[in-house]
Amino acid sequence: MILNGLKDDLNFPRDILKESFSLKIIDNENIWLEMLNTRNLTSYVYDENTASKILNDICEKFWCELEKLYFCIV
């Protein structure tokens, strides 16, 4: 089944990102996959240097993509 262009049988974030890219909802699949990997990393990293790198990546790499998605769906 398809709802608003997205299949409803997508069960994993990676699948959702790949489908979103194929439907041109997002336009930079690699950065979104990197974002997902970074989010997964935050679940078990307690190192201050890694946390600082993640914060920097959010500000420098991910924020622009998040804004683009926000303005696409609002």
N, C-alpha and C. Protein backbone atom coordinates (compact mmCIF):
# COMPACT_ATOMS: atom_id res chain seq x y z
N MET A 1 0.84 -1.19 0.00
CA MET A 1 0.00 0.00 0.00
C MET A 1 0.88 1.25 0.00
N ILE A 2 0.39 2.30 -0.60
CA ILE A 2 1.14 3.55 -0.67
C ILE A 2 0.29 4.66 -0.05
N LEU A 3 0.90 5.44 0.83
CA LEU A 3 0.24 6.56 1.49
C LEU A 3 1.06 7.81 1.26
N ASN A 4 0.48 8.81 0.61
CA ASN A 4 1.19 10.06 0.30
C ASN A 4 2.49 9.80 -0.44
N GLY A 5 2.51 8.81 -1.29
CA GLY A 5 3.69 8.51 -2.09
C GLY A 5 4.68 7.56 -1.42
N LEU A 6 4.58 7.39 -0.11
CA LEU A 6 5.49 6.49 0.61
C LEU A 6 4.82 5.15 0.85
N LYS A 7 5.54 4.08 0.63
CA LYS A 7 5.03 2.75 0.94
C LYS A 7 4.84 2.64 2.45
N ASP A 8 3.81 1.93 2.87
CA ASP A 8 3.59 1.80 4.32
C ASP A 8 4.26 0.57 4.90
N ASP A 9 4.98 -0.20 4.07
CA ASP A 9 5.67 -1.37 4.58
C ASP A 9 7.16 -1.09 4.85
N LEU A 10 7.51 0.17 4.97
CA LEU A 10 8.88 0.54 5.28
C LEU A 10 9.04 0.50 6.80
N ASN A 11 9.87 -0.40 7.29
CA ASN A 11 9.96 -0.62 8.72
C ASN A 11 11.25 -0.10 9.36
N PHE A 12 12.21 0.25 8.57
CA PHE A 12 13.50 0.66 9.12
C PHE A 12 13.88 2.04 8.59
N PRO A 13 14.53 2.84 9.42
CA PRO A 13 14.90 4.20 8.99
C PRO A 13 15.67 4.23 7.67
N ARG A 14 16.59 3.31 7.48
CA ARG A 14 17.38 3.30 6.25
C ARG A 14 16.48 3.10 5.02
N ASP A 15 15.49 2.22 5.15
CA ASP A 15 14.55 1.99 4.05
C ASP A 15 13.72 3.23 3.76
N ILE A 16 13.30 3.91 4.82
CA ILE A 16 12.52 5.13 4.66
C ILE A 16 13.35 6.20 3.95
N LEU A 17 14.61 6.34 4.33
CA LEU A 17 15.48 7.33 3.69
C LEU A 17 15.68 7.00 2.22
N LYS A 18 15.91 5.75 1.89
CA LYS A 18 16.12 5.35 0.50
C LYS A 18 14.86 5.60 -0.33
N GLU A 19 13.70 5.28 0.23
CA GLU A 19 12.44 5.52 -0.47
C GLU A 19 12.19 7.02 -0.63
N SER A 20 12.49 7.79 0.40
CA SER A 20 12.32 9.25 0.33
C SER A 20 13.21 9.84 -0.76
N PHE A 21 14.41 9.32 -0.88
CA PHE A 21 15.33 9.79 -1.91
C PHE A 21 14.78 9.43 -3.29
N SER A 22 14.28 8.22 -3.44
CA SER A 22 13.76 7.80 -4.76
C SER A 22 12.55 8.63 -5.16
N LEU A 23 11.79 9.12 -4.18
CA LEU A 23 10.63 9.96 -4.46
C LEU A 23 10.97 11.45 -4.49
N LYS A 24 12.26 11.76 -4.33
CA LYS A 24 12.77 13.14 -4.35
C LYS A 24 12.22 14.00 -3.21
N ILE A 25 11.90 13.36 -2.10
CA ILE A 25 11.52 14.09 -0.89
C ILE A 25 12.77 14.66 -0.24
N ILE A 26 13.84 13.90 -0.30
CA ILE A 26 15.16 14.38 0.10
C ILE A 26 16.06 14.28 -1.13
N ASP A 27 17.08 15.12 -1.20
CA ASP A 27 17.90 15.11 -2.42
C ASP A 27 19.36 14.74 -2.19
N ASN A 28 19.72 14.45 -0.97
CA ASN A 28 21.10 14.07 -0.68
C ASN A 28 21.08 12.82 0.20
N GLU A 29 20.91 11.69 -0.45
CA GLU A 29 20.79 10.43 0.29
C GLU A 29 21.99 10.17 1.20
N ASN A 30 23.18 10.44 0.71
CA ASN A 30 24.38 10.15 1.49
C ASN A 30 24.43 10.92 2.81
N ILE A 31 24.06 12.19 2.78
CA ILE A 31 24.12 12.97 4.01
C ILE A 31 23.05 12.48 4.99
N TRP A 32 21.88 12.07 4.48
CA TRP A 32 20.84 11.54 5.36
C TRP A 32 21.25 10.21 5.97
N LEU A 33 21.94 9.37 5.21
CA LEU A 33 22.43 8.10 5.75
C LEU A 33 23.52 8.37 6.79
N GLU A 34 24.36 9.37 6.53
CA GLU A 34 25.37 9.75 7.51
C GLU A 34 24.70 10.27 8.79
N MET A 35 23.63 11.05 8.62
CA MET A 35 22.87 11.55 9.76
C MET A 35 22.34 10.38 10.59
N LEU A 36 21.80 9.38 9.92
CA LEU A 36 21.27 8.20 10.60
C LEU A 36 22.38 7.48 11.36
N ASN A 37 23.52 7.29 10.73
CA ASN A 37 24.64 6.63 11.40
C ASN A 37 25.12 7.44 12.61
N THR A 38 25.13 8.75 12.47
CA THR A 38 25.53 9.61 13.59
C THR A 38 24.53 9.51 14.73
N ARG A 39 23.25 9.51 14.39
CA ARG A 39 22.22 9.36 15.43
C ARG A 39 22.41 8.03 16.16
N ASN A 40 22.68 6.97 15.42
CA ASN A 40 22.91 5.67 16.04
C ASN A 40 24.13 5.70 16.95
N LEU A 41 25.14 6.43 16.56
CA LEU A 41 26.36 6.55 17.35
C LEU A 41 26.09 7.21 18.70
N THR A 42 25.16 8.13 18.75
CA THR A 42 24.88 8.84 20.00
C THR A 42 24.28 7.94 21.07
N SER A 43 23.79 6.78 20.68
CA SER A 43 23.17 5.87 21.65
C SER A 43 24.18 5.23 22.60
N TYR A 44 25.43 5.15 22.18
CA TYR A 44 26.39 4.45 23.03
C TYR A 44 27.75 5.14 23.14
N VAL A 45 27.84 6.38 22.73
CA VAL A 45 29.11 7.11 22.83
C VAL A 45 29.01 8.10 23.98
N TYR A 46 29.99 8.04 24.86
CA TYR A 46 30.02 8.95 26.00
C TYR A 46 31.30 9.77 26.03
N ASP A 47 31.99 9.80 24.92
CA ASP A 47 33.26 10.48 24.79
C ASP A 47 33.01 11.94 24.39
N GLU A 48 33.61 12.88 25.11
CA GLU A 48 33.38 14.30 24.85
C GLU A 48 33.84 14.72 23.46
N ASN A 49 34.96 14.18 22.99
CA ASN A 49 35.45 14.54 21.65
C ASN A 49 34.48 14.10 20.57
N THR A 50 33.94 12.89 20.72
CA THR A 50 32.96 12.39 19.75
C THR A 50 31.68 13.22 19.81
N ALA A 51 31.25 13.55 21.00
CA ALA A 51 30.06 14.38 21.16
C ALA A 51 30.26 15.74 20.49
N SER A 52 31.44 16.32 20.63
CA SER A 52 31.74 17.60 19.99
C SER A 52 31.72 17.48 18.47
N LYS A 53 32.25 16.37 17.95
CA LYS A 53 32.23 16.14 16.51
C LYS A 53 30.79 16.00 16.01
N ILE A 54 29.97 15.28 16.77
CA ILE A 54 28.57 15.11 16.38
C ILE A 54 27.87 16.46 16.35
N LEU A 55 28.08 17.27 17.37
CA LEU A 55 27.48 18.60 17.41
C LEU A 55 27.94 19.43 16.22
N ASN A 56 29.20 19.38 15.90
CA ASN A 56 29.73 20.10 14.75
C ASN A 56 29.09 19.61 13.46
N ASP A 57 28.94 18.30 13.32
CA ASP A 57 28.31 17.75 12.12
C ASP A 57 26.86 18.22 11.99
N ILE A 58 26.15 18.28 13.11
CA ILE A 58 24.77 18.77 13.08
C ILE A 58 24.75 20.20 12.56
N CYS A 59 25.62 21.03 13.11
CA CYS A 59 25.63 22.45 12.74
C CYS A 59 26.15 22.67 11.31
N GLU A 60 27.19 21.95 10.93
CA GLU A 60 27.87 22.21 9.67
C GLU A 60 27.33 21.41 8.49
N LYS A 61 26.83 20.21 8.73
CA LYS A 61 26.42 19.34 7.62
C LYS A 61 24.94 19.04 7.59
N PHE A 62 24.35 18.77 8.73
CA PHE A 62 22.99 18.24 8.76
C PHE A 62 21.90 19.30 8.79
N TRP A 63 22.17 20.43 9.41
CA TRP A 63 21.14 21.43 9.62
C TRP A 63 20.50 21.89 8.30
N CYS A 64 21.31 22.12 7.31
CA CYS A 64 20.81 22.58 6.01
C CYS A 64 19.83 21.57 5.43
N GLU A 65 20.17 20.29 5.51
CA GLU A 65 19.28 19.25 4.98
C GLU A 65 17.98 19.17 5.78
N LEU A 66 18.07 19.34 7.09
CA LEU A 66 16.87 19.33 7.92
C LEU A 66 15.97 20.51 7.57
N GLU A 67 16.55 21.67 7.34
CA GLU A 67 15.78 22.84 6.94
C GLU A 67 15.09 22.63 5.59
N LYS A 68 15.82 22.05 4.65
CA LYS A 68 15.22 21.79 3.34
C LYS A 68 14.01 20.87 3.47
N LEU A 69 14.13 19.84 4.27
CA LEU A 69 13.01 18.92 4.47
C LEU A 69 11.85 19.64 5.15
N TYR A 70 12.16 20.42 6.16
CA TYR A 70 11.12 21.16 6.87
C TYR A 70 10.31 22.04 5.92
N PHE A 71 11.00 22.80 5.09
CA PHE A 71 10.29 23.71 4.18
C PHE A 71 9.62 22.95 3.03
N CYS A 72 10.05 21.75 2.79
CA CYS A 72 9.41 20.92 1.77
C CYS A 72 8.05 20.40 2.27
N ILE A 73 7.96 20.10 3.56
CA ILE A 73 6.74 19.48 4.08
C ILE A 73 5.79 20.46 4.75
N VAL A 74 6.24 21.68 5.00
CA VAL A 74 5.35 22.65 5.67
C VAL A 74 4.53 23.39 4.64
